[in-house]
Amino acid sequence: MPHLLFICSKNQWRSPTAELLFKNHAFHQARSAGTSDKARIRISQKLIDWADVIFFMERRHKDITAKRLNLTCKKQVILDIEDNYQFNDPELIGILKLALTDFL
């Protein structure tokens, strides 16, 4: 079962919304984390090691993570979803479903 990791800044709106899309999914497990010191769940090497595919909401999240942790040998995807949405925002869900069609 492939493990999907979603990363944004504070792990409050975008990445938890993406994680929720995969709750009880038949083929994937998902988790989420944030790059900020104030993140609800902060990104760690343990989460990176757990993941098969890492989705970054913005390029800066990848850059921050790459400076702190080892991302080698991990499939990485930048979704280019700006911080303009609240948790479970219907527009955000639509954007995520479109971007993650191959996984849902």
Protein backbone atom coordinates (compact mmCIF):
# COMPACT_ATOMS: atom_id res chain seq x y z
CA MET A 1 0.00 0.00 0.00
CA PRO A 2 1.76 3.20 -1.14
CA HIS A 3 2.24 5.92 1.47
CA LEU A 4 1.46 9.51 0.44
CA LEU A 5 2.75 12.50 2.42
CA PHE A 6 1.30 16.00 1.97
CA ILE A 7 3.32 19.01 3.13
CA CYS A 8 2.31 22.64 3.56
CA SER A 9 3.33 25.34 6.06
CA LYS A 10 1.39 24.90 9.29
CA ASN A 11 -0.41 21.62 8.56
CA GLN A 12 -3.75 23.29 9.25
CA TRP A 13 -5.65 23.60 5.96
CA ARG A 14 -4.17 22.35 2.71
CA SER A 15 -2.22 19.24 3.67
CA PRO A 16 -4.80 17.94 6.21
CA THR A 17 -7.51 18.41 3.56
CA ALA A 18 -5.44 16.33 1.12
CA GLU A 19 -4.84 13.70 3.80
CA LEU A 20 -8.57 13.51 4.50
CA LEU A 21 -9.28 12.67 0.84
CA PHE A 22 -7.44 9.38 1.39
CA LYS A 23 -9.10 8.39 4.66
CA ASN A 24 -10.13 4.72 4.34
CA HIS A 25 -8.72 4.60 0.78
CA ALA A 26 -8.39 1.07 -0.57
CA PHE A 27 -4.92 1.49 -2.14
CA HIS A 28 -3.12 4.36 -0.38
CA GLN A 29 -2.37 5.61 3.11
CA ALA A 30 -1.83 9.32 3.64
CA ARG A 31 -0.37 11.61 6.26
CA SER A 32 0.32 15.31 6.38
CA ALA A 33 2.83 17.66 7.97
CA GLY A 34 4.04 21.24 7.93
CA THR A 35 7.37 22.99 7.54
CA SER A 36 6.76 25.72 10.13
CA ASP A 37 7.89 25.54 13.74
CA LYS A 38 4.22 26.25 14.52
CA ALA A 39 2.94 23.32 12.42
CA ARG A 40 0.32 21.05 13.98
CA ILE A 41 2.50 18.09 12.90
CA ARG A 42 6.02 19.12 11.92
CA ILE A 43 7.82 17.38 9.06
CA SER A 44 10.42 14.86 10.25
CA GLN A 45 12.82 12.39 8.74
CA LYS A 46 10.62 9.62 10.11
CA LEU A 47 7.67 10.87 8.02
CA ILE A 48 9.91 11.29 4.96
CA ASP A 49 11.19 7.73 5.37
CA TRP A 50 7.59 6.45 5.72
CA ALA A 51 6.46 8.11 2.47
CA ASP A 52 6.64 6.65 -1.02
CA VAL A 53 5.45 9.89 -2.66
CA ILE A 54 5.78 13.37 -1.17
CA PHE A 55 3.43 16.13 -2.31
CA PHE A 56 4.46 19.72 -1.59
CA MET A 57 1.79 22.39 -1.78
CA GLU A 58 4.37 24.95 -2.94
CA ARG A 59 7.97 24.83 -4.19
CA ARG A 60 9.15 26.65 -1.05
CA HIS A 61 7.91 23.72 1.07
CA LYS A 62 10.17 21.40 -0.90
CA ASP A 63 13.11 23.80 -0.58
CA ILE A 64 12.66 24.13 3.19
CA THR A 65 12.29 20.37 3.63
CA ALA A 66 15.30 19.58 1.42
CA LYS A 67 17.51 21.89 3.53
CA ARG A 68 16.53 20.10 6.75
CA LEU A 69 15.99 16.48 5.74
CA ASN A 70 17.12 13.82 3.29
CA LEU A 71 14.69 13.56 0.37
CA THR A 72 16.85 11.33 -1.82
CA CYS A 73 15.17 8.47 -3.63
CA LYS A 74 11.68 9.79 -2.94
CA LYS A 75 9.19 10.64 -5.66
CA GLN A 76 8.33 14.31 -5.18
CA VAL A 77 5.46 16.33 -6.64
CA ILE A 78 4.90 20.06 -6.34
CA LEU A 79 1.16 20.82 -6.50
CA ASP A 80 1.43 24.63 -6.78
CA ILE A 81 -1.54 25.25 -4.48
CA GLU A 82 -1.23 28.61 -2.74
CA ASP A 83 -2.35 29.25 0.82
CA ASN A 84 -5.75 30.71 -0.13
CA TYR A 85 -8.06 28.06 1.34
CA GLN A 86 -9.50 26.95 4.66
CA PHE A 87 -9.62 23.32 5.82
CA ASN A 88 -11.96 21.23 3.67
CA ASP A 89 -12.79 24.19 1.38
CA PRO A 90 -14.85 22.80 -1.54
CA GLU A 91 -12.69 24.68 -4.07
CA LEU A 92 -9.52 23.23 -2.51
CA ILE A 93 -11.02 19.73 -2.59
CA GLY A 94 -11.80 20.16 -6.29
CA ILE A 95 -8.24 21.32 -7.05
CA LEU A 96 -6.77 18.43 -5.06
CA LYS A 97 -9.03 15.84 -6.71
CA LEU A 98 -7.98 17.08 -10.13
CA ALA A 99 -4.26 17.13 -9.21
CA LEU A 100 -4.42 13.70 -7.53
CA THR A 101 -6.59 11.90 -10.09
CA ASP A 102 -3.98 9.16 -10.60
CA PHE A 103 -3.95 8.36 -6.89
CA LEU A 104 -7.64 8.67 -5.96
